[in-house]
Amino acid sequence: MRLNAPKKIVWTIALIVGLVGIIAQLVAIPFLSSISFWIMGLAWLLLILSTVLKGL
C-alpha cells in the first residue's frame, strides 16, 4: 500500500474540525459537546482517507 501526503486544504479542514472537537469537549457548547468524540473521529477519518486515497 502506497501512502500519499494529504493536500494542504484537506489537512487544514481536518485541523479545524479537530480543534472544534477539542473545544467542544472542554467548553460546554449545547449541541457539539455531546458529539465531540464523533467530531474528533471525523477529523481523524478525514486524515486517514486523505493519506490512503490518491488525489484527496
N, C-alpha and C. Protein backbone atom coordinates (compact mmCIF):
# COMPACT_ATOMS: atom_id res chain seq x y z
N MET A 1 0.85 -1.17 0.00
CA MET A 1 0.00 0.00 0.00
C MET A 1 0.89 1.24 0.00
N ARG A 2 0.63 2.11 -0.93
CA ARG A 2 1.40 3.34 -1.01
C ARG A 2 0.62 4.47 -0.36
N LEU A 3 1.26 5.19 0.54
CA LEU A 3 0.62 6.30 1.23
C LEU A 3 1.01 7.62 0.59
N ASN A 4 0.09 8.56 0.59
CA ASN A 4 0.30 9.88 0.00
C ASN A 4 0.13 10.94 1.07
N ALA A 5 0.82 12.03 0.89
CA ALA A 5 0.64 13.16 1.80
C ALA A 5 -0.69 13.84 1.48
N PRO A 6 -1.46 14.20 2.52
CA PRO A 6 -2.71 14.91 2.25
C PRO A 6 -2.44 16.31 1.69
N LYS A 7 -3.39 16.79 0.89
CA LYS A 7 -3.25 18.15 0.38
C LYS A 7 -3.42 19.13 1.52
N LYS A 8 -2.91 20.31 1.31
CA LYS A 8 -2.92 21.32 2.37
C LYS A 8 -4.33 21.70 2.79
N ILE A 9 -5.26 21.81 1.85
CA ILE A 9 -6.63 22.19 2.18
C ILE A 9 -7.32 21.12 3.02
N VAL A 10 -7.08 19.85 2.69
CA VAL A 10 -7.69 18.76 3.45
C VAL A 10 -7.11 18.71 4.85
N TRP A 11 -5.80 18.92 4.96
CA TRP A 11 -5.15 18.92 6.26
C TRP A 11 -5.69 20.07 7.12
N THR A 12 -5.89 21.24 6.51
CA THR A 12 -6.41 22.40 7.23
C THR A 12 -7.84 22.15 7.70
N ILE A 13 -8.67 21.56 6.85
CA ILE A 13 -10.05 21.25 7.24
C ILE A 13 -10.07 20.27 8.39
N ALA A 14 -9.24 19.23 8.31
CA ALA A 14 -9.17 18.24 9.39
C ALA A 14 -8.68 18.89 10.69
N LEU A 15 -7.74 19.81 10.58
CA LEU A 15 -7.25 20.52 11.76
C LEU A 15 -8.35 21.34 12.41
N ILE A 16 -9.11 22.06 11.60
CA ILE A 16 -10.20 22.90 12.13
C ILE A 16 -11.27 22.03 12.77
N VAL A 17 -11.65 20.93 12.11
CA VAL A 17 -12.66 20.03 12.67
C VAL A 17 -12.16 19.43 13.98
N GLY A 18 -10.89 19.05 14.03
CA GLY A 18 -10.31 18.51 15.26
C GLY A 18 -10.30 19.53 16.39
N LEU A 19 -9.96 20.77 16.07
CA LEU A 19 -9.96 21.82 17.09
C LEU A 19 -11.37 22.08 17.61
N VAL A 20 -12.35 22.04 16.72
CA VAL A 20 -13.74 22.20 17.16
C VAL A 20 -14.13 21.07 18.11
N GLY A 21 -13.69 19.85 17.81
CA GLY A 21 -13.97 18.72 18.68
C GLY A 21 -13.33 18.86 20.05
N ILE A 22 -12.09 19.34 20.09
CA ILE A 22 -11.40 19.53 21.37
C ILE A 22 -12.07 20.64 22.17
N ILE A 23 -12.37 21.75 21.52
CA ILE A 23 -13.02 22.87 22.21
C ILE A 23 -14.40 22.47 22.72
N ALA A 24 -15.12 21.68 21.92
CA ALA A 24 -16.46 21.23 22.35
C ALA A 24 -16.36 20.31 23.55
N GLN A 25 -15.27 19.58 23.69
CA GLN A 25 -15.10 18.71 24.86
C GLN A 25 -14.77 19.53 26.11
N LEU A 26 -14.02 20.61 25.94
CA LEU A 26 -13.56 21.39 27.09
C LEU A 26 -14.56 22.46 27.52
N VAL A 27 -15.32 22.99 26.58
CA VAL A 27 -16.27 24.07 26.86
C VAL A 27 -17.67 23.56 26.56
N ALA A 28 -18.61 23.89 27.39
CA ALA A 28 -19.98 23.41 27.20
C ALA A 28 -20.66 24.17 26.05
N ILE A 29 -20.71 23.52 24.90
CA ILE A 29 -21.41 24.05 23.72
C ILE A 29 -22.64 23.17 23.54
N PRO A 30 -23.85 23.73 23.50
CA PRO A 30 -25.08 22.92 23.58
C PRO A 30 -25.12 21.65 22.74
N PHE A 31 -24.95 21.71 21.46
CA PHE A 31 -25.08 20.51 20.64
C PHE A 31 -23.74 19.80 20.43
N LEU A 32 -22.69 20.57 20.25
CA LEU A 32 -21.40 19.99 19.90
C LEU A 32 -20.74 19.22 21.03
N SER A 33 -20.99 19.60 22.27
CA SER A 33 -20.35 18.93 23.40
C SER A 33 -20.78 17.47 23.50
N SER A 34 -21.99 17.16 23.11
CA SER A 34 -22.46 15.79 23.21
C SER A 34 -21.90 14.89 22.11
N ILE A 35 -21.42 15.48 21.02
CA ILE A 35 -20.88 14.67 19.92
C ILE A 35 -19.40 14.98 19.65
N SER A 36 -18.71 15.51 20.63
CA SER A 36 -17.31 15.90 20.42
C SER A 36 -16.43 14.70 20.07
N PHE A 37 -16.73 13.54 20.63
CA PHE A 37 -15.98 12.33 20.29
C PHE A 37 -16.11 12.02 18.81
N TRP A 38 -17.30 12.13 18.26
CA TRP A 38 -17.54 11.83 16.85
C TRP A 38 -16.94 12.90 15.94
N ILE A 39 -16.88 14.12 16.41
CA ILE A 39 -16.24 15.19 15.65
C ILE A 39 -14.75 14.90 15.52
N MET A 40 -14.12 14.47 16.61
CA MET A 40 -12.70 14.11 16.56
C MET A 40 -12.48 12.89 15.66
N GLY A 41 -13.41 11.94 15.72
CA GLY A 41 -13.33 10.77 14.85
C GLY A 41 -13.43 11.15 13.39
N LEU A 42 -14.27 12.12 13.08
CA LEU A 42 -14.41 12.60 11.70
C LEU A 42 -13.12 13.24 11.21
N ALA A 43 -12.49 14.04 12.05
CA ALA A 43 -11.22 14.67 11.67
C ALA A 43 -10.15 13.61 11.43
N TRP A 44 -10.09 12.61 12.30
CA TRP A 44 -9.13 11.52 12.15
C TRP A 44 -9.40 10.74 10.86
N LEU A 45 -10.66 10.42 10.61
CA LEU A 45 -11.03 9.68 9.41
C LEU A 45 -10.68 10.46 8.14
N LEU A 46 -10.89 11.76 8.16
CA LEU A 46 -10.54 12.59 7.01
C LEU A 46 -9.04 12.54 6.73
N LEU A 47 -8.23 12.60 7.78
CA LEU A 47 -6.79 12.50 7.58
C LEU A 47 -6.37 11.13 7.08
N ILE A 48 -6.98 10.07 7.60
CA ILE A 48 -6.65 8.72 7.15
C ILE A 48 -7.03 8.55 5.68
N LEU A 49 -8.23 8.97 5.31
CA LEU A 49 -8.66 8.83 3.92
C LEU A 49 -7.80 9.65 2.97
N SER A 50 -7.40 10.83 3.39
CA SER A 50 -6.57 11.65 2.51
C SER A 50 -5.16 11.09 2.38
N THR A 51 -4.73 10.28 3.33
CA THR A 51 -3.43 9.63 3.23
C THR A 51 -3.49 8.39 2.34
N VAL A 52 -4.58 7.67 2.42
CA VAL A 52 -4.70 6.41 1.68
C VAL A 52 -5.15 6.64 0.23
N LEU A 53 -6.09 7.55 0.01
CA LEU A 53 -6.62 7.79 -1.33
C LEU A 53 -5.80 8.83 -2.06
N LYS A 54 -5.43 8.53 -3.27
CA LYS A 54 -4.63 9.46 -4.05
C LYS A 54 -5.51 10.60 -4.59
N GLY A 55 -5.01 11.80 -4.48
CA GLY A 55 -5.70 12.97 -5.02
C GLY A 55 -6.66 13.64 -4.06
N LEU A 56 -6.72 13.19 -2.83
CA LEU A 56 -7.63 13.80 -1.87
C LEU A 56 -6.89 14.75 -0.97
